[in-house]
Amino acid sequence: MQPEYDFSKAKRAKSVPHLTKLRASMRGKTRITIMLDDDVIKTFRERAQARGIGYQTAMNEALRSAAGAEDIPVTIKTLREVLRKELRSR
């Protein structure tokens, strides 16, 4: 590690196309820090892996459900998931 770094030619995140695209895709989300029990994280990781999604996405879905967010807009992805679950249960 160098004692000092020269950032005089560094670009702001707004000027880097892939960072701009990443920031735009994250609208409507807030980064937080939270402490959770190891077994809870393990459970969500296992469930998420079985579904082929990220564990944070699975946690977000569980929180929405627990919060009673019935006014969530129906997306094609959500509709497909619900239909698949219903068809498997028959």
PDB file of N, CA and C in Angstrom:
ATOM      1  N   MET A   1       0.834  -1.172   0.000  1.00  0.00           N
ATOM      2  CA  MET A   1       0.000   0.000   0.000  1.00  0.00           C
ATOM      3  C   MET A   1       0.880   1.237   0.000  1.00  0.00           C
ATOM      4  N   GLN A   2       0.515   2.174  -0.817  1.00  0.00           N
ATOM      5  CA  GLN A   2       1.287   3.405  -0.901  1.00  0.00           C
ATOM      6  C   GLN A   2       0.930   4.339   0.254  1.00  0.00           C
ATOM      7  N   PRO A   3       1.893   5.163   0.689  1.00  0.00           N
ATOM      8  CA  PRO A   3       1.584   6.109   1.761  1.00  0.00           C
ATOM      9  C   PRO A   3       0.569   7.167   1.319  1.00  0.00           C
ATOM     10  N   GLU A   4       0.579   7.540   0.034  1.00  0.00           N
ATOM     11  CA  GLU A   4      -0.370   8.511  -0.499  1.00  0.00           C
ATOM     12  C   GLU A   4      -0.785   8.106  -1.904  1.00  0.00           C
ATOM     13  N   TYR A   5      -2.007   8.418  -2.243  1.00  0.00           N
ATOM     14  CA  TYR A   5      -2.519   8.132  -3.579  1.00  0.00           C
ATOM     15  C   TYR A   5      -2.906   9.444  -4.250  1.00  0.00           C
ATOM     16  N   ASP A   6      -2.726   9.472  -5.576  1.00  0.00           N
ATOM     17  CA  ASP A   6      -3.048  10.680  -6.339  1.00  0.00           C
ATOM     18  C   ASP A   6      -4.426  10.500  -6.983  1.00  0.00           C
ATOM     19  N   PHE A   7      -5.407  11.233  -6.489  1.00  0.00           N
ATOM     20  CA  PHE A   7      -6.760  11.167  -7.016  1.00  0.00           C
ATOM     21  C   PHE A   7      -7.082  12.362  -7.906  1.00  0.00           C
ATOM     22  N   SER A   8      -6.069  13.079  -8.333  1.00  0.00           N
ATOM     23  CA  SER A   8      -6.309  14.295  -9.116  1.00  0.00           C
ATOM     24  C   SER A   8      -6.971  14.004 -10.465  1.00  0.00           C
ATOM     25  N   LYS A   9      -6.780  12.810 -11.005  1.00  0.00           N
ATOM     26  CA  LYS A   9      -7.370  12.467 -12.301  1.00  0.00           C
ATOM     27  C   LYS A   9      -8.563  11.507 -12.150  1.00  0.00           C
ATOM     28  N   ALA A  10      -9.022  11.320 -10.937  1.00  0.00           N
ATOM     29  CA  ALA A  10     -10.147  10.423 -10.690  1.00  0.00           C
ATOM     30  C   ALA A  10     -11.441  11.027 -11.229  1.00  0.00           C
ATOM     31  N   LYS A  11     -12.347  10.144 -11.661  1.00  0.00           N
ATOM     32  CA  LYS A  11     -13.641  10.591 -12.183  1.00  0.00           C
ATOM     33  C   LYS A  11     -14.703  10.394 -11.107  1.00  0.00           C
ATOM     34  N   ARG A  12     -15.712  11.248 -11.113  1.00  0.00           N
ATOM     35  CA  ARG A  12     -16.844  11.090 -10.210  1.00  0.00           C
ATOM     36  C   ARG A  12     -17.703   9.940 -10.718  1.00  0.00           C
ATOM     37  N   ALA A  13     -18.425   9.322  -9.834  1.00  0.00           N
ATOM     38  CA  ALA A  13     -19.260   8.179 -10.207  1.00  0.00           C
ATOM     39  C   ALA A  13     -20.233   8.532 -11.326  1.00  0.00           C
ATOM     40  N   LYS A  14     -20.707   9.785 -11.346  1.00  0.00           N
ATOM     41  CA  LYS A  14     -21.642  10.218 -12.398  1.00  0.00           C
ATOM     42  C   LYS A  14     -21.015  10.143 -13.786  1.00  0.00           C
ATOM     43  N   SER A  15     -19.683  10.248 -13.851  1.00  0.00           N
ATOM     44  CA  SER A  15     -18.987  10.287 -15.136  1.00  0.00           C
ATOM     45  C   SER A  15     -18.626   8.910 -15.677  1.00  0.00           C
ATOM     46  N   VAL A  16     -18.795   7.869 -14.871  1.00  0.00           N
ATOM     47  CA  VAL A  16     -18.446   6.512 -15.290  1.00  0.00           C
ATOM     48  C   VAL A  16     -19.739   5.791 -15.676  1.00  0.00           C
ATOM     49  N   PRO A  17     -19.898   5.437 -16.962  1.00  0.00           N
ATOM     50  CA  PRO A  17     -21.168   4.892 -17.449  1.00  0.00           C
ATOM     51  C   PRO A  17     -21.708   3.696 -16.660  1.00  0.00           C
ATOM     52  N   HIS A  18     -20.873   2.695 -16.364  1.00  0.00           N
ATOM     53  CA  HIS A  18     -21.407   1.516 -15.678  1.00  0.00           C
ATOM     54  C   HIS A  18     -21.806   1.831 -14.239  1.00  0.00           C
ATOM     55  N   LEU A  19     -21.159   2.787 -13.592  1.00  0.00           N
ATOM     56  CA  LEU A  19     -21.560   3.187 -12.245  1.00  0.00           C
ATOM     57  C   LEU A  19     -22.863   3.981 -12.277  1.00  0.00           C
ATOM     58  N   THR A  20     -23.030   4.801 -13.301  1.00  0.00           N
ATOM     59  CA  THR A  20     -24.274   5.550 -13.462  1.00  0.00           C
ATOM     60  C   THR A  20     -25.442   4.591 -13.651  1.00  0.00           C
ATOM     61  N   LYS A  21     -25.225   3.579 -14.480  1.00  0.00           N
ATOM     62  CA  LYS A  21     -26.268   2.581 -14.736  1.00  0.00           C
ATOM     63  C   LYS A  21     -26.598   1.812 -13.452  1.00  0.00           C
ATOM     64  N   LEU A  22     -25.577   1.459 -12.686  1.00  0.00           N
ATOM     65  CA  LEU A  22     -25.784   0.743 -11.431  1.00  0.00           C
ATOM     66  C   LEU A  22     -26.587   1.587 -10.449  1.00  0.00           C
ATOM     67  N   ARG A  23     -26.226   2.851 -10.310  1.00  0.00           N
ATOM     68  CA  ARG A  23     -26.940   3.744  -9.397  1.00  0.00           C
ATOM     69  C   ARG A  23     -28.393   3.916  -9.829  1.00  0.00           C
ATOM     70  N   ALA A  24     -28.625   3.997 -11.127  1.00  0.00           N
ATOM     71  CA  ALA A  24     -29.988   4.168 -11.635  1.00  0.00           C
ATOM     72  C   ALA A  24     -30.847   2.942 -11.332  1.00  0.00           C
ATOM     73  N   SER A  25     -30.230   1.756 -11.397  1.00  0.00           N
ATOM     74  CA  SER A  25     -30.988   0.534 -11.147  1.00  0.00           C
ATOM     75  C   SER A  25     -31.327   0.359  -9.669  1.00  0.00           C
ATOM     76  N   MET A  26     -30.685   1.097  -8.798  1.00  0.00           N
ATOM     77  CA  MET A  26     -30.898   0.965  -7.367  1.00  0.00           C
ATOM     78  C   MET A  26     -31.907   1.969  -6.809  1.00  0.00           C
ATOM     79  N   ARG A  27     -32.550   2.724  -7.661  1.00  0.00           N
ATOM     80  CA  ARG A  27     -33.532   3.704  -7.183  1.00  0.00           C
ATOM     81  C   ARG A  27     -34.646   2.994  -6.434  1.00  0.00           C
ATOM     82  N   GLY A  28     -35.109   3.632  -5.387  1.00  0.00           N
ATOM     83  CA  GLY A  28     -36.166   3.037  -4.592  1.00  0.00           C
ATOM     84  C   GLY A  28     -35.649   2.079  -3.536  1.00  0.00           C
ATOM     85  N   LYS A  29     -34.345   1.999  -3.390  1.00  0.00           N
ATOM     86  CA  LYS A  29     -33.742   1.119  -2.391  1.00  0.00           C
ATOM     87  C   LYS A  29     -32.788   1.940  -1.537  1.00  0.00           C
ATOM     88  N   THR A  30     -32.632   1.520  -0.295  1.00  0.00           N
ATOM     89  CA  THR A  30     -31.746   2.201   0.629  1.00  0.00           C
ATOM     90  C   THR A  30     -30.808   1.187   1.252  1.00  0.00           C
ATOM     91  N   ARG A  31     -29.540   1.499   1.256  1.00  0.00           N
ATOM     92  CA  ARG A  31     -28.556   0.623   1.883  1.00  0.00           C
ATOM     93  C   ARG A  31     -28.599   0.854   3.386  1.00  0.00           C
ATOM     94  N   ILE A  32     -28.698  -0.266   4.157  1.00  0.00           N
ATOM     95  CA  ILE A  32     -28.678  -0.172   5.611  1.00  0.00           C
ATOM     96  C   ILE A  32     -27.710  -1.208   6.169  1.00  0.00           C
ATOM     97  N   THR A  33     -27.389  -1.063   7.428  1.00  0.00           N
ATOM     98  CA  THR A  33     -26.608  -2.064   8.139  1.00  0.00           C
ATOM     99  C   THR A  33     -27.514  -2.641   9.211  1.00  0.00           C
ATOM    100  N   ILE A  34     -27.577  -3.973   9.298  1.00  0.00           N
ATOM    101  CA  ILE A  34     -28.474  -4.631  10.246  1.00  0.00           C
ATOM    102  C   ILE A  34     -27.784  -5.878  10.781  1.00  0.00           C
ATOM    103  N   MET A  35     -27.987  -6.150  12.046  1.00  0.00           N
ATOM    104  CA  MET A  35     -27.433  -7.348  12.671  1.00  0.00           C
ATOM    105  C   MET A  35     -28.534  -8.413  12.733  1.00  0.00           C
ATOM    106  N   LEU A  36     -28.255  -9.576  12.161  1.00  0.00           N
ATOM    107  CA  LEU A  36     -29.214 -10.681  12.167  1.00  0.00           C
ATOM    108  C   LEU A  36     -28.536 -11.924  12.722  1.00  0.00           C
ATOM    109  N   ASP A  37     -29.319 -12.832  13.264  1.00  0.00           N
ATOM    110  CA  ASP A  37     -28.774 -14.083  13.770  1.00  0.00           C
ATOM    111  C   ASP A  37     -28.237 -14.920  12.610  1.00  0.00           C
ATOM    112  N   ASP A  38     -27.166 -15.644  12.875  1.00  0.00           N
ATOM    113  CA  ASP A  38     -26.532 -16.466  11.836  1.00  0.00           C
ATOM    114  C   ASP A  38     -27.492 -17.497  11.254  1.00  0.00           C
ATOM    115  N   ASP A  39     -28.326 -18.099  12.122  1.00  0.00           N
ATOM    116  CA  ASP A  39     -29.247 -19.124  11.628  1.00  0.00           C
ATOM    117  C   ASP A  39     -30.321 -18.537  10.710  1.00  0.00           C
ATOM    118  N   VAL A  40     -30.694 -17.293  10.940  1.00  0.00           N
ATOM    119  CA  VAL A  40     -31.682 -16.634  10.078  1.00  0.00           C
ATOM    120  C   VAL A  40     -31.081 -16.414   8.689  1.00  0.00           C
ATOM    121  N   ILE A  41     -29.861 -15.914   8.662  1.00  0.00           N
ATOM    122  CA  ILE A  41     -29.193 -15.681   7.375  1.00  0.00           C
ATOM    123  C   ILE A  41     -28.992 -16.994   6.638  1.00  0.00           C
ATOM    124  N   LYS A  42     -28.580 -18.021   7.367  1.00  0.00           N
ATOM    125  CA  LYS A  42     -28.360 -19.334   6.749  1.00  0.00           C
ATOM    126  C   LYS A  42     -29.655 -19.855   6.122  1.00  0.00           C
ATOM    127  N   THR A  43     -30.754 -19.717   6.863  1.00  0.00           N
ATOM    128  CA  THR A  43     -32.050 -20.181   6.355  1.00  0.00           C
ATOM    129  C   THR A  43     -32.445 -19.441   5.083  1.00  0.00           C
ATOM    130  N   PHE A  44     -32.307 -18.118   5.091  1.00  0.00           N
ATOM    131  CA  PHE A  44     -32.669 -17.353   3.902  1.00  0.00           C
ATOM    132  C   PHE A  44     -31.746 -17.665   2.728  1.00  0.00           C
ATOM    133  N   ARG A  45     -30.479 -17.883   2.989  1.00  0.00           N
ATOM    134  CA  ARG A  45     -29.559 -18.245   1.892  1.00  0.00           C
ATOM    135  C   ARG A  45     -29.955 -19.580   1.273  1.00  0.00           C
ATOM    136  N   GLU A  46     -30.293 -20.549   2.117  1.00  0.00           N
ATOM    137  CA  GLU A  46     -30.693 -21.872   1.604  1.00  0.00           C
ATOM    138  C   GLU A  46     -31.981 -21.783   0.788  1.00  0.00           C
ATOM    139  N   ARG A  47     -32.961 -21.071   1.328  1.00  0.00           N
ATOM    140  CA  ARG A  47     -34.232 -20.920   0.605  1.00  0.00           C
ATOM    141  C   ARG A  47     -34.036 -20.180  -0.716  1.00  0.00           C
ATOM    142  N   ALA A  48     -33.247 -19.137  -0.672  1.00  0.00           N
ATOM    143  CA  ALA A  48     -33.015 -18.337  -1.872  1.00  0.00           C
ATOM    144  C   ALA A  48     -32.274 -19.140  -2.931  1.00  0.00           C
ATOM    145  N   GLN A  49     -31.289 -19.920  -2.497  1.00  0.00           N
ATOM    146  CA  GLN A  49     -30.530 -20.730  -3.450  1.00  0.00           C
ATOM    147  C   GLN A  49     -31.443 -21.751  -4.124  1.00  0.00           C
ATOM    148  N   ALA A  50     -32.350 -22.332  -3.365  1.00  0.00           N
ATOM    149  CA  ALA A  50     -33.280 -23.308  -3.928  1.00  0.00           C
ATOM    150  C   ALA A  50     -34.194 -22.666  -4.971  1.00  0.00           C
ATOM    151  N   ARG A  51     -34.500 -21.394  -4.780  1.00  0.00           N
ATOM    152  CA  ARG A  51     -35.355 -20.664  -5.726  1.00  0.00           C
ATOM    153  C   ARG A  51     -34.563 -19.994  -6.837  1.00  0.00           C
ATOM    154  N   GLY A  52     -33.253 -19.941  -6.703  1.00  0.00           N
ATOM    155  CA  GLY A  52     -32.428 -19.293  -7.722  1.00  0.00           C
ATOM    156  C   GLY A  52     -32.457 -17.778  -7.650  1.00  0.00           C
ATOM    157  N   ILE A  53     -32.626 -17.246  -6.429  1.00  0.00           N
ATOM    158  CA  ILE A  53     -32.620 -15.800  -6.243  1.00  0.00           C
ATOM    159  C   ILE A  53     -31.603 -15.447  -5.161  1.00  0.00           C
ATOM    160  N   GLY A  54     -31.363 -14.175  -4.952  1.00  0.00           N
ATOM    161  CA  GLY A  54     -30.459 -13.739  -3.907  1.00  0.00           C
ATOM    162  C   GLY A  54     -31.140 -13.769  -2.545  1.00  0.00           C
ATOM    163  N   TYR A  55     -30.339 -13.989  -1.493  1.00  0.00           N
ATOM    164  CA  TYR A  55     -30.936 -14.080  -0.164  1.00  0.00           C
ATOM    165  C   TYR A  55     -31.499 -12.740   0.305  1.00  0.00           C
ATOM    166  N   GLN A  56     -30.917 -11.647  -0.144  1.00  0.00           N
ATOM    167  CA  GLN A  56     -31.455 -10.345   0.244  1.00  0.00           C
ATOM    168  C   GLN A  56     -32.809 -10.100  -0.407  1.00  0.00           C
ATOM    169  N   THR A  57     -32.981 -10.602  -1.617  1.00  0.00           N
ATOM    170  CA  THR A  57     -34.273 -10.513  -2.293  1.00  0.00           C
ATOM    171  C   THR A  57     -35.313 -11.320  -1.521  1.00  0.00           C
ATOM    172  N   ALA A  58     -34.919 -12.512  -1.064  1.00  0.00           N
ATOM    173  CA  ALA A  58     -35.836 -13.350  -0.285  1.00  0.00           C
ATOM    174  C   ALA A  58     -36.212 -12.666   1.028  1.00  0.00           C
ATOM    175  N   MET A  59     -35.239 -12.027   1.669  1.00  0.00           N
ATOM    176  CA  MET A  59     -35.529 -11.307   2.911  1.00  0.00           C
ATOM    177  C   MET A  59     -36.467 -10.132   2.652  1.00  0.00           C
ATOM    178  N   ASN A  60     -36.241  -9.424   1.564  1.00  0.00           N
ATOM    179  CA  ASN A  60     -37.093  -8.290   1.213  1.00  0.00           C
ATOM    180  C   ASN A  60     -38.526  -8.760   0.980  1.00  0.00           C
ATOM    181  N   GLU A  61     -38.694  -9.878   0.294  1.00  0.00           N
ATOM    182  CA  GLU A  61     -40.030 -10.431   0.047  1.00  0.00           C
ATOM    183  C   GLU A  61     -40.710 -10.804   1.362  1.00  0.00           C
ATOM    184  N   ALA A  62     -39.962 -11.425   2.286  1.00  0.00           N
ATOM    185  CA  ALA A  62     -40.523 -11.827   3.581  1.00  0.00           C
ATOM    186  C   ALA A  62     -40.929 -10.600   4.398  1.00  0.00           C
ATOM    187  N   LEU A  63     -40.112  -9.567   4.361  1.00  0.00           N
ATOM    188  CA  LEU A  63     -40.441  -8.340   5.088  1.00  0.00           C
ATOM    189  C   LEU A  63     -41.683  -7.672   4.507  1.00  0.00           C
ATOM    190  N   ARG A  64     -41.787  -7.647   3.178  1.00  0.00           N
ATOM    191  CA  ARG A  64     -42.978  -7.077   2.541  1.00  0.00           C
ATOM    192  C   ARG A  64     -44.224  -7.845   2.964  1.00  0.00           C
ATOM    193  N   SER A  65     -44.114  -9.158   2.951  1.00  0.00           N
ATOM    194  CA  SER A  65     -45.242 -10.002   3.316  1.00  0.00           C
ATOM    195  C   SER A  65     -45.637  -9.780   4.778  1.00  0.00           C
ATOM    196  N   ALA A  66     -44.636  -9.722   5.660  1.00  0.00           N
ATOM    197  CA  ALA A  66     -44.902  -9.509   7.082  1.00  0.00           C
ATOM    198  C   ALA A  66     -45.487  -8.128   7.347  1.00  0.00           C
ATOM    199  N   ALA A  67     -45.118  -7.169   6.532  1.00  0.00           N
ATOM    200  CA  ALA A  67     -45.620  -5.806   6.698  1.00  0.00           C
ATOM    201  C   ALA A  67     -47.016  -5.644   6.112  1.00  0.00           C
ATOM    202  N   GLY A  68     -47.515  -6.689   5.455  1.00  0.00           N
ATOM    203  CA  GLY A  68     -48.855  -6.629   4.880  1.00  0.00           C
ATOM    204  C   GLY A  68     -48.943  -5.713   3.690  1.00  0.00           C
ATOM    205  N   ALA A  69     -47.947  -5.771   2.836  1.00  0.00           N
ATOM    206  CA  ALA A  69     -47.894  -4.879   1.673  1.00  0.00           C
ATOM    207  C   ALA A  69     -48.726  -5.458   0.536  1.00  0.00           C
ATOM    208  N   GLU A  70     -50.057  -5.369   0.672  1.00  0.00           N
ATOM    209  CA  GLU A  70     -50.933  -5.891  -0.375  1.00  0.00           C
ATOM    210  C   GLU A  70     -50.949  -5.017  -1.617  1.00  0.00           C
ATOM    211  N   ASP A  71     -50.516  -3.780  -1.458  1.00  0.00           N
ATOM    212  CA  ASP A  71     -50.565  -2.856  -2.590  1.00  0.00           C
ATOM    213  C   ASP A  71     -49.325  -2.927  -3.467  1.00  0.00           C
ATOM    214  N   ILE A  72     -48.600  -4.044  -3.388  1.00  0.00           N
ATOM    215  CA  ILE A  72     -47.416  -4.223  -4.227  1.00  0.00           C
ATOM    216  C   ILE A  72     -47.888  -4.429  -5.664  1.00  0.00           C
ATOM    217  N   PRO A  73     -47.344  -3.681  -6.604  1.00  0.00           N
ATOM    218  CA  PRO A  73     -47.770  -3.866  -7.993  1.00  0.00           C
ATOM    219  C   PRO A  73     -47.394  -5.254  -8.506  1.00  0.00           C
ATOM    220  N   VAL A  74     -48.295  -5.834  -9.253  1.00  0.00           N
ATOM    221  CA  VAL A  74     -48.045  -7.167  -9.810  1.00  0.00           C
ATOM    222  C   VAL A  74     -47.152  -7.022 -11.026  1.00  0.00           C
ATOM    223  N   THR A  75     -46.021  -7.713 -10.970  1.00  0.00           N
ATOM    224  CA  THR A  75     -45.106  -7.719 -12.101  1.00  0.00           C
ATOM    225  C   THR A  75     -45.225  -9.060 -12.816  1.00  0.00           C
ATOM    226  N   ILE A  76     -44.708  -9.147 -13.997  1.00  0.00           N
ATOM    227  CA  ILE A  76     -44.738 -10.410 -14.739  1.00  0.00           C
ATOM    228  C   ILE A  76     -43.999 -11.484 -13.958  1.00  0.00           C
ATOM    229  N   LYS A  77     -42.869 -11.120 -13.364  1.00  0.00           N
ATOM    230  CA  LYS A  77     -42.079 -12.070 -12.583  1.00  0.00           C
ATOM    231  C   LYS A  77     -42.890 -12.612 -11.406  1.00  0.00           C
ATOM    232  N   THR A  78     -43.551 -11.726 -10.667  1.00  0.00           N
ATOM    233  CA  THR A  78     -44.354 -12.139  -9.522  1.00  0.00           C
ATOM    234  C   THR A  78     -45.513 -13.026  -9.969  1.00  0.00           C
ATOM    235  N   LEU A  79     -46.168 -12.634 -11.033  1.00  0.00           N
ATOM    236  CA  LEU A  79     -47.283 -13.414 -11.556  1.00  0.00           C
ATOM    237  C   LEU A  79     -46.832 -14.821 -11.942  1.00  0.00           C
ATOM    238  N   ARG A  80     -45.697 -14.927 -12.608  1.00  0.00           N
ATOM    239  CA  ARG A  80     -45.178 -16.246 -13.000  1.00  0.00           C
ATOM    240  C   ARG A  80     -44.874 -17.105 -11.777  1.00  0.00           C
ATOM    241  N   GLU A  81     -44.269 -16.493 -10.745  1.00  0.00           N
ATOM    242  CA  GLU A  81     -43.951 -17.244  -9.528  1.00  0.00           C
ATOM    243  C   GLU A  81     -45.213 -17.778  -8.872  1.00  0.00           C
ATOM    244  N   VAL A  82     -46.233 -16.938  -8.768  1.00  0.00           N
ATOM    245  CA  VAL A  82     -47.485 -17.352  -8.147  1.00  0.00           C
ATOM    246  C   VAL A  82     -48.135 -18.477  -8.963  1.00  0.00           C
ATOM    247  N   LEU A  83     -48.155 -18.326 -10.260  1.00  0.00           N
ATOM    248  CA  LEU A  83     -48.752 -19.356 -11.115  1.00  0.00           C
ATOM    249  C   LEU A  83     -47.998 -20.681 -10.998  1.00  0.00           C
ATOM    250  N   ARG A  84     -46.682 -20.636 -10.981  1.00  0.00           N
ATOM    251  CA  ARG A  84     -45.888 -21.861 -10.841  1.00  0.00           C
ATOM    252  C   ARG A  84     -46.193 -22.555  -9.514  1.00  0.00           C
ATOM    253  N   LYS A  85     -46.263 -21.784  -8.433  1.00  0.00           N
ATOM    254  CA  LYS A  85     -46.572 -22.363  -7.119  1.00  0.00           C
ATOM    255  C   LYS A  85     -47.944 -23.019  -7.132  1.00  0.00           C
ATOM    256  N   GLU A  86     -48.905 -22.333  -7.715  1.00  0.00           N
ATOM    257  CA  GLU A  86     -50.276 -22.855  -7.760  1.00  0.00           C
ATOM    258  C   GLU A  86     -50.348 -24.116  -8.607  1.00  0.00           C
ATOM    259  N   LEU A  87     -49.677 -24.116  -9.738  1.00  0.00           N
ATOM    260  CA  LEU A  87     -49.720 -25.284 -10.635  1.00  0.00           C
ATOM    261  C   LEU A  87     -49.017 -26.496 -10.002  1.00  0.00           C
ATOM    262  N   ARG A  88     -47.945 -26.238  -9.251  1.00  0.00           N
ATOM    263  CA  ARG A  88     -47.228 -27.348  -8.573  1.00  0.00           C
ATOM    264  C   ARG A  88     -48.086 -27.963  -7.475  1.00  0.00           C
ATOM    265  N   SER A  89     -48.895 -27.170  -6.825  1.00  0.00           N
ATOM    266  CA  SER A  89     -49.690 -27.672  -5.697  1.00  0.00           C
ATOM    267  C   SER A  89     -50.881 -28.518  -6.129  1.00  0.00           C
ATOM    268  N   ARG A  90     -51.175 -28.559  -7.395  1.00  0.00           N
ATOM    269  CA  ARG A  90     -52.337 -29.344  -7.886  1.00  0.00           C
ATOM    270  C   ARG A  90     -51.960 -30.743  -8.256  1.00  0.00           C
TER     271      ARG A  90
END
